[in-house]
Amino acid sequence: TWSLELNKCSSLFSRIYEGFELSLLSHRGFLTYSVAITLFNAGYFIPYIHLVAHSRHIGFTEYQAAFVISVTGVADIMSRVASGWFSDLGKMRMQHMLVVWTGLLGLFLMLIPVAVVYSGLLVVSGVYGFCAGAMTPLAFALVPEIVGIERMLGALGLLQLIESVGGLLGAPLSGWLKDYTGMYMVSFIAAGSFLVLGMLVTMTLPYFWSCTAPPPPSPLKKKSQHESIEDGLLKQTLSSNSVPEILCPLDDIPYLDKE
């Protein structure tokens, strides 16, 4: 009975392991990309939280501050369409496009505190929104290229689970920096630094420095139903409780004399 319960637990854990694609945690490309996306998330949401408050802090009215975030949102929507259209052209690899947009996003995030004139703040915020929207669809479209089509669904779910850590830690950290320094400048610089650091991690992906598209990942070999049934029967046969003791001394084995 103990071995039977052990087999049931082993079967349950194997189903969880396969269902959640936990084998991806040993995939170098997926782990590298997960770290990069987590760093992206740590800095991505900070401007949406602090941009209006920063505009009010440097002396603009409530309506002016609201218009700044509106310009950012419109640029974000437009760039998502433009980024998808340009990636479909195939003129540039998606990994390289993601690095370009992320680097520009981090740069303009650091420039937001410098823009103290209202027109300058609108321009910098608009460019920031455009870069933020352009990188978002690429971040998820790149997953099949790294792990393959067959493992895409499990990889996306596991990636979103991991990257949420960055989103949860980024905003509280920026709030603490604002309370500690009394200004939003350090928060925006920290957000841009997270994005630049994530960009550098992305550049360590396998085949990143290749100008041509990498070979498709090898398909995941799964056992057929017939093989799974055979494995289950074999394990059940080899368990200690199911094998009878049929051993006997050689002298007790009857032999038939051949005539």
Protein backbone atom coordinates (compact mmCIF):
# COMPACT_ATOMS: atom_id res chain seq x y z
CA THR A 1 0.00 0.00 0.00
CA TRP A 2 2.86 2.36 0.76
CA SER A 3 4.37 1.90 -2.70
CA LEU A 4 0.92 2.35 -4.26
CA GLU A 5 0.47 5.70 -2.49
CA LEU A 6 3.98 6.67 -3.56
CA ASN A 7 3.13 5.87 -7.17
CA LYS A 8 -0.03 7.99 -6.93
CA CYS A 9 1.91 10.95 -5.53
CA SER A 10 4.57 10.53 -8.19
CA SER A 11 1.90 10.48 -10.89
CA LEU A 12 0.28 13.62 -9.46
CA PHE A 13 3.56 15.54 -9.34
CA SER A 14 4.45 14.43 -12.86
CA ARG A 15 1.11 15.75 -14.13
CA ILE A 16 1.67 19.08 -12.39
CA TYR A 17 5.23 19.21 -13.76
CA GLU A 18 4.03 18.60 -17.31
CA GLY A 19 0.87 20.71 -17.05
CA PHE A 20 2.67 23.85 -15.84
CA GLU A 21 5.66 23.23 -18.15
CA LEU A 22 8.05 23.41 -15.20
CA SER A 23 10.72 21.84 -17.37
CA LEU A 24 11.13 25.32 -18.87
CA LEU A 25 12.91 26.34 -15.67
CA SER A 26 15.92 24.43 -16.99
CA HIS A 27 15.68 26.11 -20.42
CA ARG A 28 18.50 28.67 -20.69
CA GLY A 29 16.77 30.92 -23.21
CA PHE A 30 13.50 30.97 -21.28
CA LEU A 31 15.21 31.73 -17.96
CA THR A 32 17.22 34.56 -19.51
CA TYR A 33 14.13 36.04 -21.10
CA SER A 34 12.14 35.72 -17.86
CA VAL A 35 14.78 37.73 -15.99
CA ALA A 36 14.71 40.40 -18.71
CA ILE A 37 10.91 40.69 -18.71
CA THR A 38 10.87 40.85 -14.90
CA LEU A 39 13.27 43.81 -15.04
CA PHE A 40 11.09 45.42 -17.73
CA ASN A 41 8.04 45.11 -15.49
CA ALA A 42 9.88 46.63 -12.54
CA GLY A 43 10.25 49.92 -14.42
CA TYR A 44 7.40 49.81 -16.95
CA PHE A 45 4.50 50.80 -14.68
CA ILE A 46 6.24 53.51 -12.64
CA PRO A 47 5.50 56.43 -15.05
CA TYR A 48 1.81 55.53 -15.25
CA ILE A 49 1.69 55.80 -11.46
CA HIS A 50 3.85 58.89 -10.91
CA LEU A 51 3.62 60.91 -14.14
CA VAL A 52 0.53 62.91 -13.13
CA ALA A 53 1.85 63.45 -9.61
CA HIS A 54 5.21 64.54 -11.02
CA SER A 55 3.51 67.04 -13.34
CA ARG A 56 1.61 68.51 -10.41
CA HIS A 57 4.76 68.53 -8.31
CA ILE A 58 6.68 70.72 -10.79
CA GLY A 59 3.87 73.28 -10.94
CA PHE A 60 1.42 72.34 -13.71
CA THR A 61 -2.33 72.45 -13.21
CA GLU A 62 -4.55 69.42 -12.74
CA TYR A 63 -5.86 69.58 -16.32
CA GLN A 64 -2.38 69.99 -17.75
CA ALA A 65 -1.17 66.95 -15.81
CA ALA A 66 -4.16 64.90 -17.01
CA PHE A 67 -3.45 65.90 -20.61
CA VAL A 68 0.14 64.64 -20.27
CA ILE A 69 -1.02 61.13 -19.40
CA SER A 70 -3.62 61.33 -22.20
CA VAL A 71 -0.91 62.07 -24.76
CA THR A 72 1.06 59.13 -23.41
CA GLY A 73 -1.94 56.81 -23.77
CA VAL A 74 -2.72 57.87 -27.36
CA ALA A 75 0.91 57.39 -28.40
CA ASP A 76 0.88 53.97 -26.72
CA ILE A 77 -2.15 52.81 -28.75
CA MET A 78 -0.76 54.07 -32.06
CA SER A 79 2.64 52.47 -31.52
CA ARG A 80 1.18 49.01 -30.82
CA VAL A 81 -0.33 48.95 -34.30
CA ALA A 82 2.82 50.36 -35.89
CA SER A 83 5.07 47.89 -34.08
CA GLY A 84 2.99 44.90 -35.17
CA TRP A 85 2.91 46.12 -38.76
CA PHE A 86 6.67 46.68 -38.89
CA SER A 87 7.47 43.29 -37.32
CA ASP A 88 5.31 41.58 -39.97
CA LEU A 89 7.50 43.09 -42.68
CA GLY A 90 10.39 40.90 -41.53
CA LYS A 91 13.00 43.62 -42.07
CA MET A 92 14.39 43.21 -38.57
CA ARG A 93 14.49 40.38 -36.06
CA MET A 94 12.06 40.73 -33.16
CA GLN A 95 14.82 40.34 -30.57
CA HIS A 96 16.65 43.33 -32.05
CA MET A 97 13.45 45.37 -32.29
CA LEU A 98 12.67 44.67 -28.64
CA VAL A 99 16.14 45.81 -27.59
CA VAL A 100 15.84 49.04 -29.61
CA TRP A 101 12.42 49.97 -28.20
CA THR A 102 13.43 49.04 -24.65
CA GLY A 103 16.61 51.08 -24.82
CA LEU A 104 14.72 54.13 -26.11
CA LEU A 105 12.06 53.62 -23.46
CA GLY A 106 14.62 53.58 -20.66
CA LEU A 107 16.37 56.65 -22.09
CA PHE A 108 13.22 58.78 -22.32
CA LEU A 109 12.11 57.66 -18.88
CA MET A 110 15.31 59.16 -17.48
CA LEU A 111 14.65 62.36 -19.47
CA ILE A 112 11.18 62.95 -17.99
CA PRO A 113 12.52 64.75 -14.86
CA VAL A 114 14.64 67.00 -17.10
CA ALA A 115 11.60 68.28 -19.02
CA VAL A 116 10.43 71.13 -16.79
CA VAL A 117 8.77 73.10 -19.63
CA TYR A 118 5.24 71.93 -20.42
CA SER A 119 5.83 71.51 -24.16
CA GLY A 120 9.00 69.55 -23.48
CA LEU A 121 7.20 67.31 -21.00
CA LEU A 122 4.49 66.59 -23.59
CA VAL A 123 7.09 65.60 -26.19
CA VAL A 124 9.11 63.38 -23.85
CA SER A 125 5.97 61.75 -22.44
CA GLY A 126 4.61 61.15 -25.95
CA VAL A 127 7.85 59.49 -27.08
CA TYR A 128 7.87 57.45 -23.89
CA GLY A 129 4.30 56.27 -24.56
CA PHE A 130 5.18 55.37 -28.16
CA CYS A 131 8.19 53.28 -27.09
CA ALA A 132 6.23 51.63 -24.27
CA GLY A 133 3.46 50.58 -26.62
CA ALA A 134 5.88 49.38 -29.30
CA MET A 135 7.73 46.99 -26.99
CA THR A 136 4.64 45.41 -25.39
CA PRO A 137 3.46 43.17 -28.29
CA LEU A 138 7.04 42.15 -29.06
CA ALA A 139 7.59 40.93 -25.51
CA PHE A 140 4.99 38.18 -25.95
CA ALA A 141 5.48 37.53 -29.67
CA LEU A 142 9.09 36.57 -28.99
CA VAL A 143 8.19 33.63 -26.72
CA PRO A 144 7.48 31.07 -29.52
CA GLU A 145 10.83 31.89 -31.11
CA ILE A 146 12.58 31.00 -27.85
CA VAL A 147 10.72 27.87 -26.70
CA GLY A 148 8.81 26.75 -29.80
CA ILE A 149 5.14 26.71 -30.76
CA GLU A 150 4.35 23.50 -28.87
CA ARG A 151 5.41 24.96 -25.51
CA MET A 152 4.12 28.48 -26.10
CA LEU A 153 1.00 28.32 -23.89
CA GLY A 154 2.82 26.91 -20.89
CA ALA A 155 5.70 29.33 -21.40
CA LEU A 156 3.39 32.36 -21.51
CA GLY A 157 1.65 31.34 -18.30
CA LEU A 158 4.90 30.66 -16.49
CA LEU A 159 6.44 33.88 -17.84
CA GLN A 160 3.54 35.99 -16.57
CA LEU A 161 3.82 34.33 -13.18
CA ILE A 162 7.52 35.18 -12.95
CA GLU A 163 7.32 38.70 -14.39
CA SER A 164 4.61 39.71 -11.92
CA VAL A 165 7.32 39.85 -9.26
CA GLY A 166 8.86 42.84 -11.03
CA GLY A 167 5.52 44.61 -11.34
CA LEU A 168 4.77 44.08 -7.65
CA LEU A 169 8.15 45.36 -6.47
CA GLY A 170 8.70 48.24 -8.90
CA ALA A 171 5.90 50.57 -7.80
CA PRO A 172 6.51 50.27 -4.02
CA LEU A 173 10.22 50.84 -4.59
CA SER A 174 9.57 54.00 -6.60
CA GLY A 175 7.18 55.25 -3.91
CA TRP A 176 9.79 54.66 -1.24
CA LEU A 177 12.40 56.52 -3.30
CA LYS A 178 10.04 59.48 -3.65
CA ASP A 179 9.35 59.55 0.09
CA TYR A 180 13.06 59.25 0.87
CA THR A 181 14.27 61.94 -1.55
CA GLY A 182 11.19 64.17 -1.65
CA MET A 183 11.11 64.22 -5.47
CA TYR A 184 10.10 61.96 -8.35
CA MET A 185 13.35 62.35 -10.28
CA VAL A 186 15.05 59.37 -8.62
CA SER A 187 11.99 57.18 -9.25
CA PHE A 188 12.08 57.85 -12.99
CA ILE A 189 15.83 57.28 -13.13
CA ALA A 190 15.40 53.97 -11.31
CA ALA A 191 12.63 52.95 -13.73
CA GLY A 192 14.82 53.73 -16.72
CA SER A 193 17.71 51.83 -15.15
CA PHE A 194 15.56 48.71 -14.77
CA LEU A 195 14.64 48.85 -18.45
CA VAL A 196 18.22 49.39 -19.60
CA LEU A 197 19.37 46.50 -17.41
CA GLY A 198 16.64 44.30 -18.89
CA MET A 199 17.79 45.32 -22.36
CA LEU A 200 21.33 44.17 -21.54
CA VAL A 201 20.01 40.82 -20.27
CA THR A 202 18.01 40.39 -23.49
CA MET A 203 21.22 40.79 -25.47
CA THR A 204 22.54 37.58 -23.87
CA LEU A 205 19.79 35.43 -25.42
CA PRO A 206 20.98 32.54 -27.63
CA TYR A 207 21.48 33.57 -31.28
CA PHE A 208 20.92 37.25 -30.43
CA TRP A 209 24.02 38.39 -32.29
CA SER A 210 23.09 36.44 -35.39
CA CYS A 211 21.73 38.49 -38.30
CA THR A 212 19.63 35.59 -39.56
CA ALA A 213 16.72 33.93 -37.84
CA PRO A 214 17.73 31.15 -35.42
CA PRO A 215 16.81 27.53 -36.15
CA PRO A 216 13.40 26.57 -34.75
CA PRO A 217 13.53 24.92 -31.31
CA SER A 218 13.40 21.14 -31.39
CA PRO A 219 9.85 19.86 -30.86
CA LEU A 220 9.01 18.43 -27.49
CA LYS A 221 8.76 14.65 -27.71
CA LYS A 222 5.74 13.39 -25.86
CA LYS A 223 4.88 9.80 -25.10
CA SER A 224 1.97 8.26 -26.92
CA GLN A 225 -0.98 6.87 -25.02
CA HIS A 226 0.17 3.30 -25.76
CA GLU A 227 3.65 4.02 -24.35
CA SER A 228 2.17 5.65 -21.24
CA ILE A 229 -0.02 2.61 -20.59
CA GLU A 230 2.96 0.28 -21.03
CA ASP A 231 5.06 2.36 -18.62
CA GLY A 232 2.28 2.28 -16.04
CA LEU A 233 1.91 -1.49 -16.32
CA LEU A 234 5.68 -1.92 -16.07
CA LYS A 235 5.90 0.19 -12.92
CA GLN A 236 3.00 -1.68 -11.38
CA THR A 237 4.62 -5.03 -12.22
CA LEU A 238 8.00 -4.04 -10.80
CA SER A 239 6.62 -2.69 -7.53
CA SER A 240 7.68 -4.69 -4.51
CA ASN A 241 4.16 -5.53 -3.38
CA SER A 242 3.02 -6.89 -6.73
CA VAL A 243 5.89 -9.31 -7.42
CA PRO A 244 5.28 -12.69 -5.75
CA GLU A 245 8.17 -14.61 -4.28
CA ILE A 246 8.46 -17.65 -6.57
CA LEU A 247 12.09 -18.44 -5.98
CA CYS A 248 12.89 -22.00 -4.89
CA PRO A 249 16.03 -24.14 -4.61
CA LEU A 250 17.27 -25.77 -7.76
CA ASP A 251 17.00 -29.23 -6.16
CA ASP A 252 13.24 -28.85 -5.84
CA ILE A 253 12.71 -28.24 -9.54
CA PRO A 254 11.40 -31.41 -11.17
CA TYR A 255 13.09 -32.55 -14.33
CA LEU A 256 11.73 -34.90 -16.93
CA ASP A 257 14.09 -37.58 -18.12
CA LYS A 258 14.28 -37.78 -21.80
CA GLU A 259 13.94 -41.30 -23.16
